[in-house]
N, C-alpha and C. Protein backbone atom coordinates (compact mmCIF):
# COMPACT_ATOMS: atom_id res chain seq x y z
N MET A 1 -6.61 15.42 -17.28
CA MET A 1 -5.87 15.35 -16.02
C MET A 1 -6.80 15.02 -14.86
N ARG A 2 -7.92 15.75 -14.73
CA ARG A 2 -8.84 15.50 -13.63
C ARG A 2 -9.36 14.07 -13.68
N ASP A 3 -9.70 13.61 -14.88
CA ASP A 3 -10.21 12.25 -15.03
C ASP A 3 -9.17 11.22 -14.63
N GLN A 4 -7.91 11.48 -15.00
CA GLN A 4 -6.85 10.55 -14.65
C GLN A 4 -6.69 10.46 -13.14
N VAL A 5 -6.68 11.61 -12.48
CA VAL A 5 -6.51 11.61 -11.03
C VAL A 5 -7.68 10.92 -10.34
N ASN A 6 -8.90 11.21 -10.80
CA ASN A 6 -10.07 10.59 -10.20
C ASN A 6 -10.08 9.08 -10.39
N ARG A 7 -9.71 8.63 -11.61
CA ARG A 7 -9.65 7.18 -11.83
C ARG A 7 -8.60 6.55 -10.94
N ALA A 8 -7.46 7.24 -10.79
CA ALA A 8 -6.41 6.70 -9.95
C ALA A 8 -6.86 6.59 -8.51
N ALA A 9 -7.54 7.61 -8.02
CA ALA A 9 -8.00 7.60 -6.63
C ALA A 9 -8.97 6.47 -6.37
N ASN A 10 -9.81 6.16 -7.34
CA ASN A 10 -10.85 5.16 -7.13
C ASN A 10 -10.43 3.74 -7.48
N ASP A 11 -9.56 3.60 -8.47
CA ASP A 11 -9.33 2.28 -9.06
C ASP A 11 -7.95 1.71 -8.87
N HIS A 12 -6.92 2.53 -8.67
CA HIS A 12 -5.56 2.03 -8.79
C HIS A 12 -5.07 1.49 -7.46
N HIS A 13 -4.65 0.24 -7.45
CA HIS A 13 -4.17 -0.38 -6.23
C HIS A 13 -2.71 -0.79 -6.34
N GLY A 14 -2.06 -0.47 -7.39
CA GLY A 14 -0.71 -0.95 -7.56
C GLY A 14 -0.75 -2.36 -8.08
N GLY A 15 0.40 -2.92 -8.39
CA GLY A 15 0.41 -4.27 -8.90
C GLY A 15 1.82 -4.77 -9.08
N PRO A 16 1.94 -6.05 -9.39
CA PRO A 16 3.26 -6.64 -9.49
C PRO A 16 4.02 -6.19 -10.72
N GLY A 17 3.41 -5.44 -11.59
CA GLY A 17 4.08 -5.04 -12.81
C GLY A 17 5.04 -3.88 -12.65
N GLY A 18 5.12 -3.29 -11.48
CA GLY A 18 6.02 -2.17 -11.30
C GLY A 18 6.76 -2.26 -9.99
N VAL A 19 7.81 -1.45 -9.85
CA VAL A 19 8.50 -1.37 -8.58
C VAL A 19 7.50 -0.99 -7.50
N PHE A 20 6.77 0.06 -7.72
CA PHE A 20 5.48 0.26 -7.06
C PHE A 20 4.66 1.04 -8.05
N ALA A 21 3.36 0.88 -7.97
CA ALA A 21 2.51 1.49 -8.98
C ALA A 21 1.90 2.75 -8.42
N MET A 22 2.32 3.88 -8.93
CA MET A 22 1.78 5.16 -8.52
C MET A 22 0.71 5.59 -9.51
N PRO A 23 -0.38 6.16 -9.04
CA PRO A 23 -1.46 6.57 -9.94
C PRO A 23 -0.97 7.45 -11.08
N ASP A 24 -1.49 7.19 -12.28
CA ASP A 24 -1.05 7.89 -13.47
C ASP A 24 -1.17 9.40 -13.35
N GLY A 25 -2.27 9.87 -12.76
CA GLY A 25 -2.48 11.31 -12.66
C GLY A 25 -1.38 11.98 -11.86
N VAL A 26 -0.92 11.34 -10.79
CA VAL A 26 0.13 11.92 -9.97
C VAL A 26 1.47 11.85 -10.69
N ILE A 27 1.70 10.75 -11.39
CA ILE A 27 2.94 10.62 -12.16
C ILE A 27 3.06 11.76 -13.16
N LYS A 28 1.97 12.02 -13.91
CA LYS A 28 2.03 13.00 -14.98
C LYS A 28 2.01 14.43 -14.45
N ALA A 29 1.49 14.61 -13.24
CA ALA A 29 1.35 15.96 -12.72
C ALA A 29 2.60 16.46 -12.01
N ASN A 30 3.51 15.56 -11.67
CA ASN A 30 4.65 15.94 -10.85
C ASN A 30 5.96 15.52 -11.49
N ARG A 31 7.02 16.18 -11.08
CA ARG A 31 8.36 15.85 -11.49
C ARG A 31 9.16 15.56 -10.23
N PRO A 32 10.16 14.66 -10.28
CA PRO A 32 10.55 13.90 -11.46
C PRO A 32 9.53 12.82 -11.80
N ARG A 33 9.51 12.39 -13.04
CA ARG A 33 8.60 11.32 -13.44
C ARG A 33 9.02 10.02 -12.78
N PHE A 34 8.02 9.20 -12.47
CA PHE A 34 8.29 7.89 -11.89
C PHE A 34 8.38 6.86 -13.01
N ARG A 35 9.41 6.06 -12.95
CA ARG A 35 9.59 5.00 -13.93
C ARG A 35 8.83 3.76 -13.48
N VAL A 36 8.08 3.19 -14.41
CA VAL A 36 7.42 1.91 -14.13
C VAL A 36 8.36 0.82 -14.61
N ILE A 37 8.77 -0.02 -13.69
CA ILE A 37 9.80 -1.01 -13.97
C ILE A 37 9.21 -2.39 -13.86
N SER A 38 9.46 -3.23 -14.85
CA SER A 38 8.88 -4.56 -14.84
C SER A 38 9.40 -5.37 -13.67
N ARG A 39 8.58 -6.32 -13.23
CA ARG A 39 8.93 -7.14 -12.08
C ARG A 39 10.27 -7.84 -12.27
N ASN A 40 10.52 -8.32 -13.48
CA ASN A 40 11.73 -9.09 -13.72
C ASN A 40 12.99 -8.23 -13.72
N ARG A 41 12.85 -6.92 -13.91
CA ARG A 41 14.02 -6.05 -13.97
C ARG A 41 14.21 -5.23 -12.71
N ALA A 42 13.27 -5.32 -11.78
CA ALA A 42 13.35 -4.49 -10.59
C ALA A 42 14.57 -4.87 -9.76
N ASP A 43 15.30 -3.88 -9.28
CA ASP A 43 16.42 -4.15 -8.39
C ASP A 43 16.45 -3.10 -7.31
N LYS A 44 17.39 -3.25 -6.40
CA LYS A 44 17.44 -2.35 -5.26
C LYS A 44 17.66 -0.91 -5.67
N GLY A 45 18.50 -0.68 -6.67
CA GLY A 45 18.78 0.68 -7.08
C GLY A 45 17.57 1.39 -7.62
N GLN A 46 16.81 0.72 -8.46
CA GLN A 46 15.61 1.31 -9.02
C GLN A 46 14.55 1.52 -7.95
N TRP A 47 14.43 0.55 -7.05
CA TRP A 47 13.48 0.67 -5.94
C TRP A 47 13.83 1.87 -5.08
N ALA A 48 15.11 2.05 -4.75
CA ALA A 48 15.54 3.17 -3.92
C ALA A 48 15.28 4.49 -4.62
N ALA A 49 15.56 4.55 -5.92
CA ALA A 49 15.34 5.79 -6.66
C ALA A 49 13.87 6.17 -6.70
N SER A 50 13.01 5.19 -6.90
CA SER A 50 11.58 5.45 -6.93
C SER A 50 11.08 5.95 -5.58
N ASN A 51 11.58 5.35 -4.51
CA ASN A 51 11.16 5.79 -3.18
C ASN A 51 11.69 7.17 -2.85
N CYS A 52 12.89 7.49 -3.32
CA CYS A 52 13.40 8.85 -3.12
C CYS A 52 12.53 9.87 -3.83
N ALA A 53 12.08 9.52 -5.02
CA ALA A 53 11.21 10.44 -5.76
C ALA A 53 9.88 10.63 -5.05
N LEU A 54 9.31 9.55 -4.52
CA LEU A 54 8.07 9.66 -3.77
C LEU A 54 8.27 10.50 -2.52
N ALA A 55 9.38 10.29 -1.83
CA ALA A 55 9.67 11.08 -0.63
C ALA A 55 9.77 12.57 -0.95
N ARG A 56 10.42 12.89 -2.06
CA ARG A 56 10.54 14.31 -2.45
C ARG A 56 9.17 14.91 -2.74
N LEU A 57 8.32 14.15 -3.42
CA LEU A 57 6.98 14.64 -3.74
C LEU A 57 6.20 14.94 -2.46
N LEU A 58 6.23 14.01 -1.52
CA LEU A 58 5.48 14.20 -0.27
C LEU A 58 6.07 15.32 0.57
N ASN A 59 7.39 15.44 0.59
CA ASN A 59 8.02 16.53 1.34
C ASN A 59 7.67 17.89 0.74
N ARG A 60 7.56 17.95 -0.57
CA ARG A 60 7.23 19.20 -1.24
C ARG A 60 5.84 19.69 -0.83
N HIS A 61 4.96 18.76 -0.52
CA HIS A 61 3.57 19.12 -0.19
C HIS A 61 3.25 18.85 1.29
N GLN A 62 4.27 18.73 2.13
CA GLN A 62 4.04 18.26 3.48
C GLN A 62 3.07 19.14 4.29
N ARG A 63 3.05 20.44 4.02
CA ARG A 63 2.15 21.31 4.77
C ARG A 63 0.69 21.03 4.46
N LYS A 64 0.43 20.43 3.32
CA LYS A 64 -0.95 20.13 2.92
C LYS A 64 -1.36 18.70 3.28
N LEU A 65 -0.47 17.96 3.92
CA LEU A 65 -0.72 16.54 4.14
C LEU A 65 -0.97 16.18 5.60
N THR A 66 -1.40 17.16 6.39
CA THR A 66 -1.67 16.90 7.81
C THR A 66 -2.76 15.84 7.98
N SER A 67 -3.85 15.97 7.24
CA SER A 67 -4.93 14.98 7.33
C SER A 67 -4.46 13.62 6.87
N ALA A 68 -3.63 13.59 5.84
CA ALA A 68 -3.11 12.32 5.34
C ALA A 68 -2.23 11.65 6.39
N ARG A 69 -1.43 12.43 7.10
CA ARG A 69 -0.59 11.85 8.16
C ARG A 69 -1.44 11.28 9.29
N ARG A 70 -2.54 11.96 9.61
CA ARG A 70 -3.44 11.42 10.64
C ARG A 70 -4.05 10.10 10.20
N LEU A 71 -4.46 10.04 8.94
CA LEU A 71 -5.01 8.79 8.40
C LEU A 71 -3.96 7.68 8.44
N ALA A 72 -2.73 8.03 8.05
CA ALA A 72 -1.65 7.04 8.07
C ALA A 72 -1.41 6.52 9.49
N ALA A 73 -1.48 7.42 10.47
CA ALA A 73 -1.30 7.01 11.86
C ALA A 73 -2.43 6.09 12.31
N ASP A 74 -3.65 6.39 11.88
CA ASP A 74 -4.79 5.52 12.22
C ASP A 74 -4.62 4.13 11.61
N ILE A 75 -4.11 4.09 10.38
CA ILE A 75 -3.88 2.81 9.73
C ILE A 75 -2.84 2.01 10.50
N ARG A 76 -1.77 2.67 10.89
CA ARG A 76 -0.73 1.97 11.65
C ARG A 76 -1.29 1.44 12.97
N THR A 77 -2.09 2.24 13.64
CA THR A 77 -2.70 1.78 14.89
C THR A 77 -3.58 0.57 14.65
N GLY A 78 -4.36 0.60 13.57
CA GLY A 78 -5.20 -0.54 13.24
C GLY A 78 -4.38 -1.80 12.99
N ILE A 79 -3.26 -1.65 12.30
CA ILE A 79 -2.39 -2.80 12.05
C ILE A 79 -1.81 -3.33 13.36
N GLU A 80 -1.41 -2.43 14.24
CA GLU A 80 -0.88 -2.85 15.54
C GLU A 80 -1.93 -3.63 16.34
N GLN A 81 -3.18 -3.22 16.22
CA GLN A 81 -4.25 -3.92 16.93
C GLN A 81 -4.55 -5.28 16.32
N LEU A 82 -4.31 -5.42 15.02
CA LEU A 82 -4.51 -6.71 14.35
C LEU A 82 -3.39 -7.70 14.65
N THR A 83 -2.21 -7.18 14.94
CA THR A 83 -1.01 -8.02 15.00
C THR A 83 -1.11 -9.21 15.95
N PRO A 84 -1.60 -9.05 17.18
CA PRO A 84 -1.64 -10.23 18.06
C PRO A 84 -2.48 -11.37 17.50
N ALA A 85 -3.66 -11.05 16.96
CA ALA A 85 -4.52 -12.09 16.41
C ALA A 85 -3.88 -12.76 15.20
N MET A 86 -3.30 -11.95 14.30
CA MET A 86 -2.69 -12.52 13.11
C MET A 86 -1.45 -13.34 13.45
N THR A 87 -0.70 -12.88 14.44
CA THR A 87 0.48 -13.64 14.88
C THR A 87 0.08 -15.00 15.42
N THR A 88 -0.98 -15.03 16.23
CA THR A 88 -1.46 -16.28 16.79
C THR A 88 -1.89 -17.25 15.69
N LEU A 89 -2.62 -16.75 14.71
CA LEU A 89 -3.07 -17.60 13.61
C LEU A 89 -1.88 -18.13 12.80
N CYS A 90 -0.91 -17.26 12.54
CA CYS A 90 0.26 -17.69 11.77
C CYS A 90 1.03 -18.78 12.51
N ARG A 91 1.18 -18.63 13.81
CA ARG A 91 1.92 -19.63 14.58
C ARG A 91 1.21 -20.99 14.59
N ARG A 92 -0.10 -20.95 14.48
CA ARG A 92 -0.86 -22.19 14.53
C ARG A 92 -0.95 -22.88 13.17
N THR A 93 -0.68 -22.16 12.10
CA THR A 93 -0.93 -22.73 10.78
C THR A 93 0.26 -22.71 9.82
N CYS A 94 1.05 -21.65 9.82
CA CYS A 94 2.01 -21.44 8.74
C CYS A 94 3.09 -22.52 8.66
N ARG A 95 3.60 -22.96 9.78
CA ARG A 95 4.70 -23.93 9.73
C ARG A 95 4.25 -25.31 9.25
N PHE A 96 2.94 -25.54 9.27
CA PHE A 96 2.41 -26.82 8.80
C PHE A 96 1.85 -26.73 7.38
N CYS A 97 1.93 -25.56 6.77
CA CYS A 97 1.27 -25.34 5.48
C CYS A 97 2.03 -26.04 4.35
N PRO A 98 1.33 -26.86 3.55
CA PRO A 98 2.00 -27.54 2.43
C PRO A 98 2.22 -26.62 1.22
N GLU A 99 1.50 -25.52 1.16
CA GLU A 99 1.62 -24.57 0.04
C GLU A 99 1.74 -23.15 0.59
N PRO A 100 2.89 -22.78 1.11
CA PRO A 100 3.05 -21.47 1.76
C PRO A 100 2.73 -20.32 0.81
N CYS A 101 1.92 -19.39 1.29
CA CYS A 101 1.55 -18.24 0.45
C CYS A 101 2.77 -17.37 0.14
N CYS A 102 3.79 -17.41 0.99
CA CYS A 102 5.00 -16.61 0.77
C CYS A 102 5.82 -17.12 -0.41
N ILE A 103 5.47 -18.31 -0.90
CA ILE A 103 6.16 -18.90 -2.04
C ILE A 103 5.23 -19.03 -3.24
N ASN A 104 4.00 -19.46 -3.00
CA ASN A 104 3.09 -19.78 -4.09
C ASN A 104 2.22 -18.64 -4.55
N HIS A 105 2.19 -17.53 -3.82
CA HIS A 105 1.41 -16.37 -4.23
C HIS A 105 2.34 -15.22 -4.60
N THR A 106 1.92 -14.40 -5.53
CA THR A 106 2.68 -13.20 -5.87
C THR A 106 2.10 -12.02 -5.10
N VAL A 107 2.91 -11.43 -4.26
CA VAL A 107 2.47 -10.27 -3.47
C VAL A 107 3.43 -9.12 -3.77
N TRP A 108 3.02 -7.91 -3.40
CA TRP A 108 3.87 -6.76 -3.65
C TRP A 108 3.53 -5.65 -2.67
N ILE A 109 4.49 -4.78 -2.48
CA ILE A 109 4.30 -3.57 -1.67
C ILE A 109 3.64 -2.55 -2.59
N ASP A 110 2.44 -2.11 -2.24
CA ASP A 110 1.71 -1.25 -3.16
C ASP A 110 1.84 0.23 -2.78
N PHE A 111 1.22 1.07 -3.60
CA PHE A 111 1.32 2.52 -3.41
C PHE A 111 0.81 2.94 -2.04
N ARG A 112 -0.29 2.36 -1.60
CA ARG A 112 -0.86 2.74 -0.31
C ARG A 112 0.04 2.32 0.85
N ASP A 113 0.68 1.16 0.72
CA ASP A 113 1.66 0.76 1.74
C ASP A 113 2.75 1.82 1.87
N LEU A 114 3.27 2.24 0.72
CA LEU A 114 4.37 3.20 0.74
C LEU A 114 3.94 4.58 1.21
N LEU A 115 2.71 4.97 0.90
CA LEU A 115 2.24 6.25 1.42
C LEU A 115 2.28 6.27 2.94
N MET A 116 1.76 5.23 3.57
CA MET A 116 1.78 5.17 5.03
C MET A 116 3.20 5.20 5.56
N GLN A 117 4.06 4.41 4.97
CA GLN A 117 5.44 4.32 5.46
C GLN A 117 6.17 5.64 5.32
N HIS A 118 6.02 6.30 4.18
CA HIS A 118 6.70 7.58 3.98
C HIS A 118 6.11 8.68 4.86
N LEU A 119 4.80 8.75 4.95
CA LEU A 119 4.17 9.81 5.74
C LEU A 119 4.52 9.71 7.21
N LEU A 120 4.71 8.49 7.71
CA LEU A 120 5.03 8.28 9.12
C LEU A 120 6.53 8.11 9.36
N ARG A 121 7.32 8.28 8.32
CA ARG A 121 8.78 8.14 8.41
C ARG A 121 9.18 6.77 8.94
N LEU A 122 8.48 5.75 8.52
CA LEU A 122 8.83 4.39 8.90
C LEU A 122 9.96 3.89 8.00
N PRO A 123 10.68 2.86 8.44
CA PRO A 123 11.70 2.27 7.56
C PRO A 123 11.04 1.75 6.29
N ILE A 124 11.68 1.95 5.17
CA ILE A 124 11.17 1.47 3.89
C ILE A 124 11.88 0.15 3.56
N PRO A 125 11.14 -0.91 3.24
CA PRO A 125 11.81 -2.16 2.83
C PRO A 125 12.82 -1.89 1.72
N ASP A 126 13.93 -2.62 1.74
CA ASP A 126 15.03 -2.31 0.83
C ASP A 126 14.82 -2.82 -0.59
N ARG A 127 13.71 -3.49 -0.84
CA ARG A 127 13.40 -3.97 -2.19
C ARG A 127 11.91 -4.24 -2.29
N GLN A 128 11.43 -4.38 -3.51
CA GLN A 128 10.05 -4.77 -3.74
C GLN A 128 9.89 -6.25 -3.40
N ALA A 129 8.71 -6.62 -2.92
CA ALA A 129 8.48 -8.01 -2.52
C ALA A 129 8.15 -8.91 -3.69
N ALA A 130 7.67 -8.35 -4.79
CA ALA A 130 7.13 -9.16 -5.88
C ALA A 130 8.18 -10.08 -6.50
N THR A 131 7.79 -11.33 -6.70
CA THR A 131 8.61 -12.30 -7.41
C THR A 131 7.70 -13.08 -8.34
N VAL A 132 8.29 -13.92 -9.15
CA VAL A 132 7.46 -14.78 -9.98
C VAL A 132 6.84 -15.86 -9.10
N CYS A 133 5.68 -16.36 -9.51
CA CYS A 133 4.98 -17.40 -8.76
C CYS A 133 5.89 -18.62 -8.60
N GLY A 134 5.97 -19.14 -7.39
CA GLY A 134 6.81 -20.30 -7.12
C GLY A 134 8.18 -19.96 -6.57
N VAL A 135 8.52 -18.65 -6.58
CA VAL A 135 9.78 -18.19 -6.00
C VAL A 135 9.48 -17.50 -4.68
N ALA A 136 10.23 -17.84 -3.66
CA ALA A 136 9.97 -17.31 -2.32
C ALA A 136 10.10 -15.79 -2.28
N CYS A 137 9.23 -15.17 -1.51
CA CYS A 137 9.35 -13.74 -1.25
C CYS A 137 10.74 -13.45 -0.68
N PRO A 138 11.38 -12.35 -1.11
CA PRO A 138 12.73 -12.05 -0.61
C PRO A 138 12.78 -11.77 0.88
N PHE A 139 11.62 -11.53 1.50
CA PHE A 139 11.60 -11.25 2.94
C PHE A 139 11.25 -12.49 3.77
N LEU A 140 11.13 -13.63 3.13
CA LEU A 140 10.82 -14.85 3.86
C LEU A 140 12.08 -15.40 4.50
N GLY A 141 12.04 -15.60 5.82
CA GLY A 141 13.16 -16.16 6.55
C GLY A 141 12.80 -17.49 7.18
N HIS A 142 13.71 -18.03 7.97
CA HIS A 142 13.48 -19.34 8.59
C HIS A 142 12.33 -19.31 9.59
N ARG A 143 12.07 -18.15 10.16
CA ARG A 143 11.00 -18.01 11.15
C ARG A 143 9.81 -17.22 10.61
N GLY A 144 9.69 -17.17 9.30
CA GLY A 144 8.59 -16.42 8.70
C GLY A 144 9.07 -15.11 8.12
N CYS A 145 8.16 -14.14 8.04
CA CYS A 145 8.49 -12.85 7.43
C CYS A 145 9.50 -12.09 8.29
N ARG A 146 10.52 -11.56 7.63
CA ARG A 146 11.55 -10.80 8.35
C ARG A 146 11.19 -9.33 8.52
N LEU A 147 10.11 -8.89 7.87
CA LEU A 147 9.69 -7.49 8.01
C LEU A 147 8.84 -7.31 9.26
N PRO A 148 9.00 -6.21 9.98
CA PRO A 148 8.07 -5.89 11.07
C PRO A 148 6.65 -5.78 10.52
N TRP A 149 5.67 -6.09 11.34
CA TRP A 149 4.27 -6.09 10.88
C TRP A 149 3.89 -4.76 10.24
N ALA A 150 4.34 -3.65 10.80
CA ALA A 150 3.88 -2.33 10.33
C ALA A 150 4.28 -2.04 8.89
N ILE A 151 5.35 -2.67 8.39
CA ILE A 151 5.79 -2.36 7.03
C ILE A 151 5.69 -3.55 6.09
N ARG A 152 4.94 -4.57 6.49
CA ARG A 152 4.67 -5.67 5.56
C ARG A 152 3.62 -5.22 4.54
N PRO A 153 3.61 -5.84 3.36
CA PRO A 153 2.52 -5.52 2.42
C PRO A 153 1.17 -5.78 3.09
N TRP A 154 0.25 -4.85 2.91
CA TRP A 154 -1.07 -5.00 3.51
C TRP A 154 -1.76 -6.27 3.03
N MET A 155 -1.54 -6.63 1.78
CA MET A 155 -2.19 -7.84 1.27
C MET A 155 -1.71 -9.08 2.03
N CYS A 156 -0.51 -9.03 2.58
CA CYS A 156 -0.02 -10.15 3.41
C CYS A 156 -0.62 -10.09 4.80
N ILE A 157 -0.66 -8.89 5.37
CA ILE A 157 -1.17 -8.74 6.73
C ILE A 157 -2.61 -9.23 6.82
N LYS A 158 -3.42 -8.86 5.85
CA LYS A 158 -4.86 -9.13 5.98
C LYS A 158 -5.27 -10.51 5.48
N TYR A 159 -4.36 -11.23 4.84
CA TYR A 159 -4.75 -12.50 4.22
C TYR A 159 -5.04 -13.56 5.28
N LEU A 160 -6.20 -14.15 5.17
CA LEU A 160 -6.61 -15.26 6.03
C LEU A 160 -6.81 -16.49 5.16
N CYS A 161 -5.92 -17.45 5.30
CA CYS A 161 -5.97 -18.63 4.45
C CYS A 161 -7.08 -19.57 4.94
N PRO A 162 -7.45 -20.57 4.14
CA PRO A 162 -8.50 -21.52 4.56
C PRO A 162 -8.20 -22.19 5.90
N ALA A 163 -6.94 -22.53 6.14
CA ALA A 163 -6.59 -23.18 7.41
C ALA A 163 -6.85 -22.26 8.59
N GLN A 164 -6.53 -20.99 8.43
CA GLN A 164 -6.78 -20.03 9.51
C GLN A 164 -8.27 -19.80 9.73
N ARG A 165 -9.02 -19.80 8.65
CA ARG A 165 -10.48 -19.69 8.78
C ARG A 165 -11.03 -20.88 9.55
N ARG A 166 -10.49 -22.06 9.30
CA ARG A 166 -10.96 -23.26 10.02
C ARG A 166 -10.63 -23.17 11.50
N VAL A 167 -9.45 -22.65 11.81
CA VAL A 167 -9.07 -22.48 13.22
C VAL A 167 -10.03 -21.54 13.92
N MET A 168 -10.34 -20.42 13.28
CA MET A 168 -11.26 -19.46 13.90
C MET A 168 -12.65 -20.06 14.07
N LYS A 169 -13.10 -20.81 13.09
CA LYS A 169 -14.43 -21.41 13.17
C LYS A 169 -14.50 -22.45 14.28
N LYS A 170 -13.41 -23.21 14.43
CA LYS A 170 -13.39 -24.28 15.42
C LYS A 170 -13.24 -23.75 16.84
N THR A 171 -12.36 -22.79 17.04
CA THR A 171 -12.03 -22.32 18.39
C THR A 171 -12.76 -21.05 18.79
N GLY A 172 -13.21 -20.29 17.78
CA GLY A 172 -13.84 -19.01 18.10
C GLY A 172 -12.85 -17.93 18.47
N ARG A 173 -11.57 -18.23 18.34
CA ARG A 173 -10.51 -17.26 18.68
C ARG A 173 -9.49 -17.21 17.55
N PRO A 174 -9.19 -16.01 17.06
CA PRO A 174 -9.92 -14.77 17.34
C PRO A 174 -11.30 -14.79 16.69
N ASP A 175 -12.10 -13.83 17.10
CA ASP A 175 -13.45 -13.72 16.57
C ASP A 175 -13.38 -13.36 15.09
N GLY A 176 -13.86 -14.24 14.22
CA GLY A 176 -13.76 -14.03 12.78
C GLY A 176 -14.48 -12.79 12.30
N LEU A 177 -15.68 -12.55 12.82
CA LEU A 177 -16.45 -11.38 12.38
C LEU A 177 -15.76 -10.08 12.78
N ALA A 178 -15.24 -10.05 14.01
CA ALA A 178 -14.54 -8.85 14.48
C ALA A 178 -13.27 -8.62 13.68
N LEU A 179 -12.56 -9.71 13.35
CA LEU A 179 -11.33 -9.59 12.59
C LEU A 179 -11.62 -9.08 11.17
N ASP A 180 -12.64 -9.62 10.54
CA ASP A 180 -13.02 -9.15 9.20
C ASP A 180 -13.44 -7.68 9.23
N ALA A 181 -14.15 -7.28 10.27
CA ALA A 181 -14.57 -5.88 10.37
C ALA A 181 -13.36 -4.96 10.53
N ALA A 182 -12.39 -5.38 11.32
CA ALA A 182 -11.18 -4.57 11.51
C ALA A 182 -10.41 -4.44 10.20
N ILE A 183 -10.32 -5.53 9.45
CA ILE A 183 -9.63 -5.51 8.16
C ILE A 183 -10.36 -4.59 7.18
N ASP A 184 -11.69 -4.68 7.14
CA ASP A 184 -12.48 -3.82 6.25
C ASP A 184 -12.27 -2.34 6.60
N ALA A 185 -12.19 -2.05 7.90
CA ALA A 185 -12.00 -0.66 8.32
C ALA A 185 -10.65 -0.12 7.83
N ILE A 186 -9.61 -0.93 7.92
CA ILE A 186 -8.30 -0.50 7.45
C ILE A 186 -8.30 -0.37 5.93
N ASP A 187 -8.96 -1.30 5.24
CA ASP A 187 -9.08 -1.17 3.78
C ASP A 187 -9.70 0.17 3.41
N ASN A 188 -10.74 0.56 4.11
CA ASN A 188 -11.41 1.83 3.83
C ASN A 188 -10.49 3.01 4.12
N GLN A 189 -9.74 2.95 5.23
CA GLN A 189 -8.81 4.04 5.56
C GLN A 189 -7.71 4.16 4.52
N ARG A 190 -7.25 3.05 4.00
CA ARG A 190 -6.22 3.08 2.97
C ARG A 190 -6.73 3.75 1.69
N ARG A 191 -7.98 3.46 1.32
CA ARG A 191 -8.56 4.14 0.16
C ARG A 191 -8.67 5.63 0.42
N GLN A 192 -9.10 6.00 1.62
CA GLN A 192 -9.20 7.42 1.97
C GLN A 192 -7.83 8.09 1.90
N LEU A 193 -6.80 7.39 2.37
CA LEU A 193 -5.45 7.96 2.37
C LEU A 193 -5.00 8.27 0.96
N GLU A 194 -5.18 7.33 0.06
CA GLU A 194 -4.76 7.56 -1.32
C GLU A 194 -5.51 8.74 -1.94
N ARG A 195 -6.82 8.79 -1.72
CA ARG A 195 -7.61 9.89 -2.27
C ARG A 195 -7.14 11.24 -1.71
N GLU A 196 -6.87 11.27 -0.41
CA GLU A 196 -6.45 12.52 0.23
C GLU A 196 -5.11 12.99 -0.30
N VAL A 197 -4.16 12.09 -0.45
CA VAL A 197 -2.85 12.50 -0.97
C VAL A 197 -2.96 13.00 -2.41
N ILE A 198 -3.69 12.27 -3.24
CA ILE A 198 -3.84 12.70 -4.63
C ILE A 198 -4.50 14.07 -4.70
N ARG A 199 -5.51 14.28 -3.86
CA ARG A 199 -6.21 15.56 -3.86
C ARG A 199 -5.28 16.70 -3.48
N ARG A 200 -4.37 16.43 -2.55
CA ARG A 200 -3.50 17.49 -2.05
C ARG A 200 -2.30 17.78 -2.94
N VAL A 201 -1.82 16.79 -3.67
CA VAL A 201 -0.60 17.01 -4.45
C VAL A 201 -0.87 17.36 -5.90
N ARG A 202 -2.10 17.15 -6.36
CA ARG A 202 -2.35 17.46 -7.77
C ARG A 202 -2.31 18.98 -7.97
N PRO A 203 -1.85 19.43 -9.11
CA PRO A 203 -1.74 20.87 -9.37
C PRO A 203 -3.11 21.54 -9.35
N THR A 204 -3.12 22.78 -8.89
CA THR A 204 -4.34 23.57 -8.92
C THR A 204 -4.52 24.17 -10.31
N THR A 205 -5.67 23.93 -10.89
CA THR A 205 -5.94 24.48 -12.22
C THR A 205 -6.40 25.92 -12.10
N ARG A 206 -5.66 26.80 -12.72
CA ARG A 206 -6.02 28.22 -12.69
C ARG A 206 -6.86 28.58 -13.92
N THR A 207 -7.95 29.22 -13.67
CA THR A 207 -8.84 29.62 -14.76
C THR A 207 -8.48 31.01 -15.25
N SER A 208 -8.35 31.13 -16.54
CA SER A 208 -8.06 32.44 -17.13
C SER A 208 -9.23 33.38 -16.87
N PRO A 209 -8.95 34.66 -16.51
CA PRO A 209 -10.05 35.62 -16.25
C PRO A 209 -11.05 35.70 -17.40
N SER A 210 -10.55 35.60 -18.61
CA SER A 210 -11.44 35.72 -19.75
C SER A 210 -12.39 34.55 -19.87
N ALA A 211 -11.98 33.41 -19.26
CA ALA A 211 -12.82 32.21 -19.39
C ALA A 211 -14.09 32.34 -18.59
N SER A 212 -14.09 33.22 -17.57
CA SER A 212 -15.27 33.34 -16.74
C SER A 212 -16.22 34.44 -17.21
N ILE A 213 -15.83 35.13 -18.25
CA ILE A 213 -16.69 36.23 -18.74
C ILE A 213 -17.64 35.70 -19.79
N ALA A 214 -18.90 36.01 -19.62
CA ALA A 214 -19.91 35.57 -20.60
C ALA A 214 -20.04 36.65 -21.67
N TYR A 215 -19.79 36.23 -22.88
CA TYR A 215 -19.89 37.18 -23.98
C TYR A 215 -21.22 37.01 -24.69
N SER A 216 -21.82 38.10 -25.04
CA SER A 216 -23.04 38.03 -25.83
C SER A 216 -22.71 38.42 -27.28
N GLY A 217 -23.25 37.68 -28.22
CA GLY A 217 -22.89 37.92 -29.59
C GLY A 217 -23.63 39.06 -30.25
C-alpha cells in the first residue's frame, strides 16, 4: 500500500486511457472504488459518477485538506496570471494554424486538474476532453476553447507551439523565459498538490502493540 501511494504521488499524471486517472493507491485505499473507463467508452454519465466519487472522497477528508486548498488556490492564481499572455499568443497564431492542436493532439483532463477544481469548488467540465487523434476536442468552438481558462486541461494551458515560440522570439512579448518559469512553477505546485492530497487521504496504518515489543528468545 505505501509503495503504491508513493509511486502514485511521484509518477502518476493521468492519461487518455481513463475518464480520469486517479492514483492506484488512493483507488484501493478508499471506497467507493473508481472505475477506469476506456477512452472510447467514456460518456457523460460515467464522467459524472467518477467526479461524484472524487467529491465524496475529498469532502470526507476536508478538515485535513486545508494546505491542499491553499495550494489549489495558488495554482489558480498562477493560471490567472498566465492567461493574458497565453490569450495574446493564441489570438496571434491559432486561427492561422494548419494543424490545430485541438484536433491533431490527444489531450485530457487529468487527476491534478480535477483536484484543483474540486478543492476550489469550481465548475467541473461536463465530459472528459480526450478523443481519438484527428477528432476535435469536444470543447472546441468557433472561437476556440469554450472552457474558461481556469478549468481547461493544464496540458492545454501550458502548451506553446512552434509558431508561438517564434512570435515570442521575434517580438520579445511575452518574455519567453519568464513564461517558461511561470509554467514550471505551476507544474511544481501541481505535483505538490497531488502529493499532499494523497498523504492526507490515505488510511493511517495502526501498529499492533505486540509488534513494537522486542522479544528475547
